[in-house]
Amino acid sequence: MIPTQRQALNITLTRPHRDTTIVHLTGDLDDRSVPGLEELLIHRLRSCLRTVVVDLTELAYLSPRATDMLARQAGQARRNHTHLVIVACSPGRRVQADGGHARVLPCGDSTAHPHRAARS
């Protein structure tokens, strides 16, 4: 059996609007990558942004620890009166946000494109 080689996590930030940031992720969001992404999200959610979109649609791998971190950040968004929009592609990438402002948009949804999600 050949071991699966992990891909590095790549993060691209865009600001389609003054009060919106899209965090586009590609590669693997594994346990080693979680602290860096969490720090980035903490800063964005505490800033003057109204909406932070996390686009998971091109991730090759999403660890359970990463899913837990995204759910925690949904709570942070609620405390900071910020909208956290999580764009996911498969049921395995759904993020539960108990009482938070996180929304998970499936790829087939007409609003699932991050730029459209940022406007809603």
C-alpha atoms as a PDB file:
ATOM      1  CA  MET A   1       0.000   0.000   0.000  1.00  0.00           C
ATOM      2  CA  ILE A   2       1.372   3.411  -0.986  1.00  0.00           C
ATOM      3  CA  PRO A   3       0.862   6.087   1.686  1.00  0.00           C
ATOM      4  CA  THR A   4      -1.172   9.104   0.643  1.00  0.00           C
ATOM      5  CA  GLN A   5       0.984  12.184   0.335  1.00  0.00           C
ATOM      6  CA  ARG A   6      -0.493  15.275   1.959  1.00  0.00           C
ATOM      7  CA  GLN A   7      -0.706  18.581   0.152  1.00  0.00           C
ATOM      8  CA  ALA A   8       0.310  21.810   1.849  1.00  0.00           C
ATOM      9  CA  LEU A   9      -2.516  24.108   2.860  1.00  0.00           C
ATOM     10  CA  ASN A  10      -2.702  27.204   0.674  1.00  0.00           C
ATOM     11  CA  ILE A  11      -4.666  30.239   1.838  1.00  0.00           C
ATOM     12  CA  THR A  12      -5.729  33.071  -0.433  1.00  0.00           C
ATOM     13  CA  LEU A  13      -7.466  36.154   0.967  1.00  0.00           C
ATOM     14  CA  THR A  14      -9.631  38.425  -1.142  1.00  0.00           C
ATOM     15  CA  ARG A  15     -11.745  41.462  -0.239  1.00  0.00           C
ATOM     16  CA  PRO A  16     -14.622  41.709  -2.736  1.00  0.00           C
ATOM     17  CA  HIS A  17     -16.196  44.400  -0.533  1.00  0.00           C
ATOM     18  CA  ARG A  18     -14.858  46.784   2.090  1.00  0.00           C
ATOM     19  CA  ASP A  19     -16.469  44.818   4.935  1.00  0.00           C
ATOM     20  CA  THR A  20     -16.018  41.271   3.566  1.00  0.00           C
ATOM     21  CA  THR A  21     -13.075  38.878   3.351  1.00  0.00           C
ATOM     22  CA  ILE A  22     -13.036  35.531   1.569  1.00  0.00           C
ATOM     23  CA  VAL A  23     -10.594  32.949   2.925  1.00  0.00           C
ATOM     24  CA  HIS A  24     -10.117  30.474   0.060  1.00  0.00           C
ATOM     25  CA  LEU A  25      -8.424  27.201   1.057  1.00  0.00           C
ATOM     26  CA  THR A  26      -6.782  24.580  -1.168  1.00  0.00           C
ATOM     27  CA  GLY A  27      -4.751  21.501  -0.300  1.00  0.00           C
ATOM     28  CA  ASP A  28      -5.072  19.731   3.058  1.00  0.00           C
ATOM     29  CA  LEU A  29      -6.453  21.315   6.206  1.00  0.00           C
ATOM     30  CA  ASP A  30      -4.849  18.815   8.570  1.00  0.00           C
ATOM     31  CA  ASP A  31      -4.082  19.045  12.289  1.00  0.00           C
ATOM     32  CA  ARG A  32      -0.757  20.820  11.667  1.00  0.00           C
ATOM     33  CA  SER A  33      -2.503  23.575   9.693  1.00  0.00           C
ATOM     34  CA  VAL A  34      -5.292  24.255  12.191  1.00  0.00           C
ATOM     35  CA  PRO A  35      -3.439  26.655  14.574  1.00  0.00           C
ATOM     36  CA  GLY A  36      -2.331  28.988  11.770  1.00  0.00           C
ATOM     37  CA  LEU A  37      -5.772  29.153  10.172  1.00  0.00           C
ATOM     38  CA  GLU A  38      -7.398  29.610  13.572  1.00  0.00           C
ATOM     39  CA  GLU A  39      -5.132  32.583  14.317  1.00  0.00           C
ATOM     40  CA  LEU A  40      -5.981  34.134  10.950  1.00  0.00           C
ATOM     41  CA  LEU A  41      -9.733  33.697  11.560  1.00  0.00           C
ATOM     42  CA  ILE A  42      -9.516  35.092  15.096  1.00  0.00           C
ATOM     43  CA  HIS A  43      -7.949  38.291  13.747  1.00  0.00           C
ATOM     44  CA  ARG A  44     -10.469  38.598  10.915  1.00  0.00           C
ATOM     45  CA  LEU A  45     -13.450  38.000  13.219  1.00  0.00           C
ATOM     46  CA  ARG A  46     -12.216  40.658  15.672  1.00  0.00           C
ATOM     47  CA  SER A  47     -11.645  43.242  12.937  1.00  0.00           C
ATOM     48  CA  CYS A  48     -14.144  45.677  11.444  1.00  0.00           C
ATOM     49  CA  LEU A  49     -15.333  43.105   8.903  1.00  0.00           C
ATOM     50  CA  ARG A  50     -19.020  42.321   8.712  1.00  0.00           C
ATOM     51  CA  THR A  51     -18.662  39.012   6.835  1.00  0.00           C
ATOM     52  CA  VAL A  52     -15.922  36.379   6.702  1.00  0.00           C
ATOM     53  CA  VAL A  53     -16.384  33.643   4.087  1.00  0.00           C
ATOM     54  CA  VAL A  54     -14.352  30.429   4.461  1.00  0.00           C
ATOM     55  CA  ASP A  55     -14.343  28.590   1.130  1.00  0.00           C
ATOM     56  CA  LEU A  56     -13.652  24.861   1.607  1.00  0.00           C
ATOM     57  CA  THR A  57     -14.737  23.806  -1.884  1.00  0.00           C
ATOM     58  CA  GLU A  58     -11.221  23.048  -3.141  1.00  0.00           C
ATOM     59  CA  LEU A  59      -9.836  21.326  -0.055  1.00  0.00           C
ATOM     60  CA  ALA A  60      -8.481  17.832  -0.615  1.00  0.00           C
ATOM     61  CA  TYR A  61      -8.712  16.959   3.103  1.00  0.00           C
ATOM     62  CA  LEU A  62     -10.443  18.425   6.156  1.00  0.00           C
ATOM     63  CA  SER A  63      -9.485  16.973   9.545  1.00  0.00           C
ATOM     64  CA  PRO A  64     -11.979  16.527  12.395  1.00  0.00           C
ATOM     65  CA  ARG A  65      -9.866  18.954  14.456  1.00  0.00           C
ATOM     66  CA  ALA A  66     -10.301  21.557  11.701  1.00  0.00           C
ATOM     67  CA  THR A  67     -14.069  21.034  11.730  1.00  0.00           C
ATOM     68  CA  ASP A  68     -14.101  21.578  15.503  1.00  0.00           C
ATOM     69  CA  MET A  69     -12.047  24.756  15.121  1.00  0.00           C
ATOM     70  CA  LEU A  70     -14.458  26.140  12.500  1.00  0.00           C
ATOM     71  CA  ALA A  71     -17.374  25.461  14.842  1.00  0.00           C
ATOM     72  CA  ARG A  72     -15.549  27.329  17.646  1.00  0.00           C
ATOM     73  CA  GLN A  73     -14.939  30.259  15.305  1.00  0.00           C
ATOM     74  CA  ALA A  74     -18.672  30.373  14.579  1.00  0.00           C
ATOM     75  CA  GLY A  75     -19.153  31.126  18.264  1.00  0.00           C
ATOM     76  CA  GLN A  76     -16.447  33.784  18.054  1.00  0.00           C
ATOM     77  CA  ALA A  77     -18.283  35.323  15.099  1.00  0.00           C
ATOM     78  CA  ARG A  78     -21.497  35.482  17.104  1.00  0.00           C
ATOM     79  CA  ARG A  79     -19.743  37.221  20.018  1.00  0.00           C
ATOM     80  CA  ASN A  80     -18.220  39.755  17.611  1.00  0.00           C
ATOM     81  CA  HIS A  81     -21.456  40.332  15.658  1.00  0.00           C
ATOM     82  CA  THR A  82     -19.768  39.075  12.485  1.00  0.00           C
ATOM     83  CA  HIS A  83     -21.228  36.697   9.901  1.00  0.00           C
ATOM     84  CA  LEU A  84     -19.142  33.596   9.298  1.00  0.00           C
ATOM     85  CA  VAL A  85     -20.102  31.866   6.044  1.00  0.00           C
ATOM     86  CA  ILE A  86     -18.603  28.431   5.413  1.00  0.00           C
ATOM     87  CA  VAL A  87     -18.864  27.216   1.820  1.00  0.00           C
ATOM     88  CA  ALA A  88     -18.581  23.430   1.765  1.00  0.00           C
ATOM     89  CA  CYS A  89     -18.899  20.849  -0.978  1.00  0.00           C
ATOM     90  CA  SER A  90     -19.857  17.563   0.652  1.00  0.00           C
ATOM     91  CA  PRO A  91     -21.853  16.361   3.674  1.00  0.00           C
ATOM     92  CA  GLY A  92     -18.547  15.295   5.265  1.00  0.00           C
ATOM     93  CA  ARG A  93     -17.481  18.940   5.307  1.00  0.00           C
ATOM     94  CA  ARG A  94     -20.543  20.258   7.101  1.00  0.00           C
ATOM     95  CA  VAL A  95     -19.711  22.352  10.135  1.00  0.00           C
ATOM     96  CA  GLN A  96     -22.096  22.434  13.067  1.00  0.00           C
ATOM     97  CA  ALA A  97     -22.235  25.795  14.773  1.00  0.00           C
ATOM     98  CA  ASP A  98     -24.400  25.519  17.864  1.00  0.00           C
ATOM     99  CA  GLY A  99     -25.949  28.929  18.280  1.00  0.00           C
ATOM    100  CA  GLY A 100     -23.332  30.649  16.110  1.00  0.00           C
ATOM    101  CA  HIS A 101     -23.736  32.711  12.969  1.00  0.00           C
ATOM    102  CA  ALA A 102     -22.071  30.124  10.749  1.00  0.00           C
ATOM    103  CA  ARG A 103     -23.862  29.110   7.596  1.00  0.00           C
ATOM    104  CA  VAL A 104     -22.778  26.146   5.538  1.00  0.00           C
ATOM    105  CA  LEU A 105     -23.602  26.464   1.859  1.00  0.00           C
ATOM    106  CA  PRO A 106     -23.555  23.308  -0.293  1.00  0.00           C
ATOM    107  CA  CYS A 107     -21.883  23.534  -3.702  1.00  0.00           C
ATOM    108  CA  GLY A 108     -25.113  22.940  -5.590  1.00  0.00           C
ATOM    109  CA  ASP A 109     -26.809  25.914  -3.927  1.00  0.00           C
ATOM    110  CA  SER A 110     -27.182  28.934  -6.204  1.00  0.00           C
ATOM    111  CA  THR A 111     -25.622  31.090  -3.474  1.00  0.00           C
ATOM    112  CA  ALA A 112     -22.689  28.758  -2.922  1.00  0.00           C
ATOM    113  CA  HIS A 113     -20.206  30.787  -4.920  1.00  0.00           C
ATOM    114  CA  PRO A 114     -18.142  32.710  -2.331  1.00  0.00           C
ATOM    115  CA  HIS A 115     -18.645  36.063  -4.054  1.00  0.00           C
ATOM    116  CA  ARG A 116     -22.420  35.590  -4.039  1.00  0.00           C
ATOM    117  CA  ALA A 117     -22.331  34.350  -0.436  1.00  0.00           C
ATOM    118  CA  ALA A 118     -20.405  37.461   0.586  1.00  0.00           C
ATOM    119  CA  ARG A 119     -23.220  39.672  -0.690  1.00  0.00           C
ATOM    120  CA  SER A 120     -25.985  37.922   1.251  1.00  0.00           C
END
